[in-house]
Amino acid sequence: MHLHFTPTYSSWLNQVENWFSRIQRDVISPGIFTSVKDLKQKLMRYIRQHNNDPKPIKWKYDDPSRRIRPVPIH
């Protein structure tokens, strides 16, 4: 049996997590919402503004101490 690990820095899920992190940081945490409709409008405005000037995420991984290492089997 061989185990294969996907490095934590190469998963496409990191991009999804990054996107939701930005929404949390830029819209939800600092926001005051009077209703669910208000929240939806502010989220959609943020998404439209982002889509008007999209920029790719530049990945940089330079911390070898955080890499997954195989666990020896005894």
PDB file of N, CA and C in Angstrom:
ATOM      1  N   MET A   1       0.848  -1.187   0.000  1.00  0.00           N
ATOM      2  CA  MET A   1       0.000   0.000   0.000  1.00  0.00           C
ATOM      3  C   MET A   1       0.890   1.246   0.000  1.00  0.00           C
ATOM      4  N   HIS A   2       0.517   2.209  -0.817  1.00  0.00           N
ATOM      5  CA  HIS A   2       1.233   3.476  -0.887  1.00  0.00           C
ATOM      6  C   HIS A   2       0.265   4.608  -0.549  1.00  0.00           C
ATOM      7  N   LEU A   3       0.689   5.480   0.316  1.00  0.00           N
ATOM      8  CA  LEU A   3      -0.105   6.661   0.629  1.00  0.00           C
ATOM      9  C   LEU A   3       0.444   7.831  -0.171  1.00  0.00           C
ATOM     10  N   HIS A   4      -0.451   8.617  -0.718  1.00  0.00           N
ATOM     11  CA  HIS A   4      -0.047   9.801  -1.463  1.00  0.00           C
ATOM     12  C   HIS A   4      -0.673  11.018  -0.798  1.00  0.00           C
ATOM     13  N   PHE A   5       0.129  12.009  -0.555  1.00  0.00           N
ATOM     14  CA  PHE A   5      -0.335  13.226   0.089  1.00  0.00           C
ATOM     15  C   PHE A   5      -0.326  14.371  -0.905  1.00  0.00           C
ATOM     16  N   THR A   6      -1.374  15.160  -0.871  1.00  0.00           N
ATOM     17  CA  THR A   6      -1.386  16.395  -1.644  1.00  0.00           C
ATOM     18  C   THR A   6      -0.784  17.466  -0.752  1.00  0.00           C
ATOM     19  N   PRO A   7       0.273  18.120  -1.197  1.00  0.00           N
ATOM     20  CA  PRO A   7       0.864  19.176  -0.365  1.00  0.00           C
ATOM     21  C   PRO A   7      -0.171  20.240  -0.026  1.00  0.00           C
ATOM     22  N   THR A   8      -0.102  20.752   1.172  1.00  0.00           N
ATOM     23  CA  THR A   8      -1.094  21.731   1.629  1.00  0.00           C
ATOM     24  C   THR A   8      -1.088  22.989   0.780  1.00  0.00           C
ATOM     25  N   TYR A   9      -0.010  23.296   0.138  1.00  0.00           N
ATOM     26  CA  TYR A   9       0.092  24.520  -0.642  1.00  0.00           C
ATOM     27  C   TYR A   9      -0.378  24.349  -2.077  1.00  0.00           C
ATOM     28  N   SER A  10      -0.756  23.154  -2.488  1.00  0.00           N
ATOM     29  CA  SER A  10      -1.127  22.962  -3.889  1.00  0.00           C
ATOM     30  C   SER A  10      -2.610  22.690  -4.098  1.00  0.00           C
ATOM     31  N   SER A  11      -3.377  22.634  -3.070  1.00  0.00           N
ATOM     32  CA  SER A  11      -4.783  22.301  -3.198  1.00  0.00           C
ATOM     33  C   SER A  11      -5.578  23.466  -3.775  1.00  0.00           C
ATOM     34  N   TRP A  12      -6.502  23.160  -4.695  1.00  0.00           N
ATOM     35  CA  TRP A  12      -7.382  24.197  -5.231  1.00  0.00           C
ATOM     36  C   TRP A  12      -8.304  24.721  -4.144  1.00  0.00           C
ATOM     37  N   LEU A  13      -8.486  23.945  -3.078  1.00  0.00           N
ATOM     38  CA  LEU A  13      -9.327  24.413  -1.976  1.00  0.00           C
ATOM     39  C   LEU A  13      -8.719  25.630  -1.285  1.00  0.00           C
ATOM     40  N   ASN A  14      -7.413  25.772  -1.360  1.00  0.00           N
ATOM     41  CA  ASN A  14      -6.781  26.956  -0.779  1.00  0.00           C
ATOM     42  C   ASN A  14      -7.318  28.223  -1.423  1.00  0.00           C
ATOM     43  N   GLN A  15      -7.583  28.172  -2.724  1.00  0.00           N
ATOM     44  CA  GLN A  15      -8.133  29.348  -3.396  1.00  0.00           C
ATOM     45  C   GLN A  15      -9.547  29.653  -2.898  1.00  0.00           C
ATOM     46  N   VAL A  16     -10.329  28.611  -2.679  1.00  0.00           N
ATOM     47  CA  VAL A  16     -11.689  28.793  -2.158  1.00  0.00           C
ATOM     48  C   VAL A  16     -11.623  29.367  -0.745  1.00  0.00           C
ATOM     49  N   GLU A  17     -10.745  28.811   0.083  1.00  0.00           N
ATOM     50  CA  GLU A  17     -10.587  29.309   1.446  1.00  0.00           C
ATOM     51  C   GLU A  17     -10.121  30.760   1.442  1.00  0.00           C
ATOM     52  N   ASN A  18      -9.229  31.097   0.518  1.00  0.00           N
ATOM     53  CA  ASN A  18      -8.747  32.465   0.408  1.00  0.00           C
ATOM     54  C   ASN A  18      -9.892  33.410   0.066  1.00  0.00           C
ATOM     55  N   TRP A  19     -10.743  33.001  -0.862  1.00  0.00           N
ATOM     56  CA  TRP A  19     -11.877  33.837  -1.272  1.00  0.00           C
ATOM     57  C   TRP A  19     -12.826  34.085  -0.099  1.00  0.00           C
ATOM     58  N   PHE A  20     -13.175  33.027   0.639  1.00  0.00           N
ATOM     59  CA  PHE A  20     -14.077  33.205   1.774  1.00  0.00           C
ATOM     60  C   PHE A  20     -13.418  33.999   2.896  1.00  0.00           C
ATOM     61  N   SER A  21     -12.116  33.875   3.035  1.00  0.00           N
ATOM     62  CA  SER A  21     -11.392  34.668   4.022  1.00  0.00           C
ATOM     63  C   SER A  21     -11.479  36.157   3.687  1.00  0.00           C
ATOM     64  N   ARG A  22     -11.333  36.463   2.408  1.00  0.00           N
ATOM     65  CA  ARG A  22     -11.452  37.869   1.984  1.00  0.00           C
ATOM     66  C   ARG A  22     -12.852  38.413   2.250  1.00  0.00           C
ATOM     67  N   ILE A  23     -13.869  37.620   1.941  1.00  0.00           N
ATOM     68  CA  ILE A  23     -15.245  38.059   2.199  1.00  0.00           C
ATOM     69  C   ILE A  23     -15.453  38.292   3.691  1.00  0.00           C
ATOM     70  N   GLN A  24     -14.960  37.366   4.510  1.00  0.00           N
ATOM     71  CA  GLN A  24     -15.089  37.509   5.966  1.00  0.00           C
ATOM     72  C   GLN A  24     -14.398  38.785   6.442  1.00  0.00           C
ATOM     73  N   ARG A  25     -13.171  38.993   5.986  1.00  0.00           N
ATOM     74  CA  ARG A  25     -12.365  40.130   6.439  1.00  0.00           C
ATOM     75  C   ARG A  25     -12.902  41.463   5.919  1.00  0.00           C
ATOM     76  N   ASP A  26     -13.306  41.507   4.647  1.00  0.00           N
ATOM     77  CA  ASP A  26     -13.659  42.780   4.014  1.00  0.00           C
ATOM     78  C   ASP A  26     -15.129  43.157   4.125  1.00  0.00           C
ATOM     79  N   VAL A  27     -16.015  42.160   4.278  1.00  0.00           N
ATOM     80  CA  VAL A  27     -17.451  42.469   4.266  1.00  0.00           C
ATOM     81  C   VAL A  27     -18.111  42.133   5.599  1.00  0.00           C
ATOM     82  N   ILE A  28     -17.966  40.906   6.042  1.00  0.00           N
ATOM     83  CA  ILE A  28     -18.757  40.437   7.176  1.00  0.00           C
ATOM     84  C   ILE A  28     -18.274  41.007   8.508  1.00  0.00           C
ATOM     85  N   SER A  29     -16.983  40.875   8.810  1.00  0.00           N
ATOM     86  CA  SER A  29     -16.481  41.330  10.118  1.00  0.00           C
ATOM     87  C   SER A  29     -16.684  42.822  10.370  1.00  0.00           C
ATOM     88  N   PRO A  30     -16.340  43.682   9.420  1.00  0.00           N
ATOM     89  CA  PRO A  30     -16.506  45.103   9.712  1.00  0.00           C
ATOM     90  C   PRO A  30     -17.929  45.630   9.479  1.00  0.00           C
ATOM     91  N   GLY A  31     -18.823  44.776   8.990  1.00  0.00           N
ATOM     92  CA  GLY A  31     -20.132  45.236   8.556  1.00  0.00           C
ATOM     93  C   GLY A  31     -21.192  45.302   9.634  1.00  0.00           C
ATOM     94  N   ILE A  32     -22.171  46.134   9.374  1.00  0.00           N
ATOM     95  CA  ILE A  32     -23.390  46.202  10.167  1.00  0.00           C
ATOM     96  C   ILE A  32     -24.526  45.978   9.178  1.00  0.00           C
ATOM     97  N   PHE A  33     -25.345  44.972   9.456  1.00  0.00           N
ATOM     98  CA  PHE A  33     -26.382  44.585   8.516  1.00  0.00           C
ATOM     99  C   PHE A  33     -27.743  44.699   9.199  1.00  0.00           C
ATOM    100  N   THR A  34     -28.667  45.309   8.504  1.00  0.00           N
ATOM    101  CA  THR A  34     -29.995  45.507   9.077  1.00  0.00           C
ATOM    102  C   THR A  34     -30.935  44.349   8.772  1.00  0.00           C
ATOM    103  N   SER A  35     -30.544  43.502   7.807  1.00  0.00           N
ATOM    104  CA  SER A  35     -31.383  42.358   7.438  1.00  0.00           C
ATOM    105  C   SER A  35     -30.549  41.401   6.592  1.00  0.00           C
ATOM    106  N   VAL A  36     -31.105  40.245   6.323  1.00  0.00           N
ATOM    107  CA  VAL A  36     -30.444  39.282   5.435  1.00  0.00           C
ATOM    108  C   VAL A  36     -30.342  39.887   4.032  1.00  0.00           C
ATOM    109  N   LYS A  37     -31.374  40.611   3.626  1.00  0.00           N
ATOM    110  CA  LYS A  37     -31.359  41.262   2.314  1.00  0.00           C
ATOM    111  C   LYS A  37     -30.207  42.274   2.232  1.00  0.00           C
ATOM    112  N   ASP A  38     -29.999  43.034   3.292  1.00  0.00           N
ATOM    113  CA  ASP A  38     -28.906  44.004   3.345  1.00  0.00           C
ATOM    114  C   ASP A  38     -27.553  43.297   3.231  1.00  0.00           C
ATOM    115  N   LEU A  39     -27.392  42.197   3.956  1.00  0.00           N
ATOM    116  CA  LEU A  39     -26.157  41.407   3.878  1.00  0.00           C
ATOM    117  C   LEU A  39     -25.930  40.914   2.452  1.00  0.00           C
ATOM    118  N   LYS A  40     -26.974  40.389   1.829  1.00  0.00           N
ATOM    119  CA  LYS A  40     -26.865  39.871   0.463  1.00  0.00           C
ATOM    120  C   LYS A  40     -26.460  40.980  -0.506  1.00  0.00           C
ATOM    121  N   GLN A  41     -27.057  42.151  -0.372  1.00  0.00           N
ATOM    122  CA  GLN A  41     -26.728  43.272  -1.256  1.00  0.00           C
ATOM    123  C   GLN A  41     -25.266  43.677  -1.109  1.00  0.00           C
ATOM    124  N   LYS A  42     -24.780  43.730   0.131  1.00  0.00           N
ATOM    125  CA  LYS A  42     -23.387  44.127   0.362  1.00  0.00           C
ATOM    126  C   LYS A  42     -22.408  43.060  -0.129  1.00  0.00           C
ATOM    127  N   LEU A  43     -22.770  41.798   0.025  1.00  0.00           N
ATOM    128  CA  LEU A  43     -21.923  40.729  -0.509  1.00  0.00           C
ATOM    129  C   LEU A  43     -21.870  40.794  -2.034  1.00  0.00           C
ATOM    130  N   MET A  44     -23.003  40.978  -2.667  1.00  0.00           N
ATOM    131  CA  MET A  44     -23.047  41.023  -4.124  1.00  0.00           C
ATOM    132  C   MET A  44     -22.295  42.251  -4.660  1.00  0.00           C
ATOM    133  N   ARG A  45     -22.361  43.368  -3.957  1.00  0.00           N
ATOM    134  CA  ARG A  45     -21.614  44.559  -4.370  1.00  0.00           C
ATOM    135  C   ARG A  45     -20.116  44.283  -4.308  1.00  0.00           C
ATOM    136  N   TYR A  46     -19.680  43.619  -3.236  1.00  0.00           N
ATOM    137  CA  TYR A  46     -18.263  43.253  -3.090  1.00  0.00           C
ATOM    138  C   TYR A  46     -17.826  42.328  -4.226  1.00  0.00           C
ATOM    139  N   ILE A  47     -18.641  41.340  -4.536  1.00  0.00           N
ATOM    140  CA  ILE A  47     -18.311  40.386  -5.605  1.00  0.00           C
ATOM    141  C   ILE A  47     -18.242  41.102  -6.958  1.00  0.00           C
ATOM    142  N   ARG A  48     -19.190  41.979  -7.232  1.00  0.00           N
ATOM    143  CA  ARG A  48     -19.172  42.722  -8.503  1.00  0.00           C
ATOM    144  C   ARG A  48     -17.929  43.606  -8.606  1.00  0.00           C
ATOM    145  N   GLN A  49     -17.586  44.296  -7.511  1.00  0.00           N
ATOM    146  CA  GLN A  49     -16.390  45.146  -7.522  1.00  0.00           C
ATOM    147  C   GLN A  49     -15.136  44.299  -7.753  1.00  0.00           C
ATOM    148  N   HIS A  50     -15.071  43.155  -7.118  1.00  0.00           N
ATOM    149  CA  HIS A  50     -13.921  42.266  -7.300  1.00  0.00           C
ATOM    150  C   HIS A  50     -13.854  41.785  -8.747  1.00  0.00           C
ATOM    151  N   ASN A  51     -14.989  41.423  -9.322  1.00  0.00           N
ATOM    152  CA  ASN A  51     -15.017  40.906 -10.690  1.00  0.00           C
ATOM    153  C   ASN A  51     -14.702  41.978 -11.734  1.00  0.00           C
ATOM    154  N   ASN A  52     -14.907  43.242 -11.391  1.00  0.00           N
ATOM    155  CA  ASN A  52     -14.570  44.322 -12.318  1.00  0.00           C
ATOM    156  C   ASN A  52     -13.061  44.486 -12.480  1.00  0.00           C
ATOM    157  N   ASP A  53     -12.305  44.119 -11.470  1.00  0.00           N
ATOM    158  CA  ASP A  53     -10.847  44.243 -11.522  1.00  0.00           C
ATOM    159  C   ASP A  53     -10.203  43.016 -10.871  1.00  0.00           C
ATOM    160  N   PRO A  54     -10.390  41.842 -11.455  1.00  0.00           N
ATOM    161  CA  PRO A  54      -9.846  40.628 -10.832  1.00  0.00           C
ATOM    162  C   PRO A  54      -8.329  40.567 -10.946  1.00  0.00           C
ATOM    163  N   LYS A  55      -7.711  40.002  -9.937  1.00  0.00           N
ATOM    164  CA  LYS A  55      -6.266  39.806  -9.938  1.00  0.00           C
ATOM    165  C   LYS A  55      -5.988  38.371  -9.503  1.00  0.00           C
ATOM    166  N   PRO A  56      -5.063  37.714 -10.187  1.00  0.00           N
ATOM    167  CA  PRO A  56      -4.752  36.335  -9.790  1.00  0.00           C
ATOM    168  C   PRO A  56      -4.041  36.301  -8.445  1.00  0.00           C
ATOM    169  N   ILE A  57      -4.231  35.211  -7.763  1.00  0.00           N
ATOM    170  CA  ILE A  57      -3.537  35.017  -6.487  1.00  0.00           C
ATOM    171  C   ILE A  57      -2.142  34.512  -6.802  1.00  0.00           C
ATOM    172  N   LYS A  58      -1.144  35.161  -6.260  1.00  0.00           N
ATOM    173  CA  LYS A  58       0.236  34.730  -6.464  1.00  0.00           C
ATOM    174  C   LYS A  58       0.629  33.865  -5.268  1.00  0.00           C
ATOM    175  N   TRP A  59       0.825  32.589  -5.540  1.00  0.00           N
ATOM    176  CA  TRP A  59       1.159  31.657  -4.477  1.00  0.00           C
ATOM    177  C   TRP A  59       2.640  31.700  -4.178  1.00  0.00           C
ATOM    178  N   LYS A  60       2.935  31.693  -2.901  1.00  0.00           N
ATOM    179  CA  LYS A  60       4.321  31.665  -2.466  1.00  0.00           C
ATOM    180  C   LYS A  60       4.375  30.748  -1.254  1.00  0.00           C
ATOM    181  N   TYR A  61       5.221  29.764  -1.341  1.00  0.00           N
ATOM    182  CA  TYR A  61       5.328  28.823  -0.235  1.00  0.00           C
ATOM    183  C   TYR A  61       6.794  28.662   0.095  1.00  0.00           C
ATOM    184  N   ASP A  62       7.198  29.281   1.167  1.00  0.00           N
ATOM    185  CA  ASP A  62       8.619  29.237   1.497  1.00  0.00           C
ATOM    186  C   ASP A  62       8.882  28.846   2.951  1.00  0.00           C
ATOM    187  N   ASP A  63       7.948  28.125   3.551  1.00  0.00           N
ATOM    188  CA  ASP A  63       8.141  27.687   4.924  1.00  0.00           C
ATOM    189  C   ASP A  63       8.212  26.160   4.969  1.00  0.00           C
ATOM    190  N   PRO A  64       9.408  25.590   4.791  1.00  0.00           N
ATOM    191  CA  PRO A  64       9.527  24.132   4.751  1.00  0.00           C
ATOM    192  C   PRO A  64       9.105  23.445   6.050  1.00  0.00           C
ATOM    193  N   SER A  65       9.090  24.170   7.145  1.00  0.00           N
ATOM    194  CA  SER A  65       8.716  23.548   8.415  1.00  0.00           C
ATOM    195  C   SER A  65       7.241  23.157   8.451  1.00  0.00           C
ATOM    196  N   ARG A  66       6.426  23.719   7.565  1.00  0.00           N
ATOM    197  CA  ARG A  66       4.994  23.420   7.553  1.00  0.00           C
ATOM    198  C   ARG A  66       4.621  22.333   6.559  1.00  0.00           C
ATOM    199  N   ARG A  67       5.566  21.791   5.862  1.00  0.00           N
ATOM    200  CA  ARG A  67       5.284  20.749   4.880  1.00  0.00           C
ATOM    201  C   ARG A  67       4.939  19.438   5.565  1.00  0.00           C
ATOM    202  N   ILE A  68       4.078  18.676   4.923  1.00  0.00           N
ATOM    203  CA  ILE A  68       3.674  17.387   5.455  1.00  0.00           C
ATOM    204  C   ILE A  68       4.803  16.386   5.223  1.00  0.00           C
ATOM    205  N   ARG A  69       5.111  15.630   6.252  1.00  0.00           N
ATOM    206  CA  ARG A  69       6.158  14.621   6.142  1.00  0.00           C
ATOM    207  C   ARG A  69       5.549  13.255   6.430  1.00  0.00           C
ATOM    208  N   PRO A  70       6.061  12.240   5.772  1.00  0.00           N
ATOM    209  CA  PRO A  70       5.538  10.893   6.063  1.00  0.00           C
ATOM    210  C   PRO A  70       5.885  10.449   7.477  1.00  0.00           C
ATOM    211  N   VAL A  71       4.978   9.743   8.074  1.00  0.00           N
ATOM    212  CA  VAL A  71       5.182   9.215   9.418  1.00  0.00           C
ATOM    213  C   VAL A  71       5.755   7.799   9.270  1.00  0.00           C
ATOM    214  N   PRO A  72       6.889   7.547   9.888  1.00  0.00           N
ATOM    215  CA  PRO A  72       7.468   6.209   9.774  1.00  0.00           C
ATOM    216  C   PRO A  72       6.561   5.161  10.416  1.00  0.00           C
ATOM    217  N   ILE A  73       6.430   4.025   9.754  1.00  0.00           N
ATOM    218  CA  ILE A  73       5.645   2.920  10.281  1.00  0.00           C
ATOM    219  C   ILE A  73       6.590   1.921  10.908  1.00  0.00           C
ATOM    220  N   HIS A  74       6.346   1.590  12.156  1.00  0.00           N
ATOM    221  CA  HIS A  74       7.221   0.638  12.875  1.00  0.00           C
ATOM    222  C   HIS A  74       6.579  -0.709  12.965  1.00  0.00           C
TER     223      HIS A  74
END
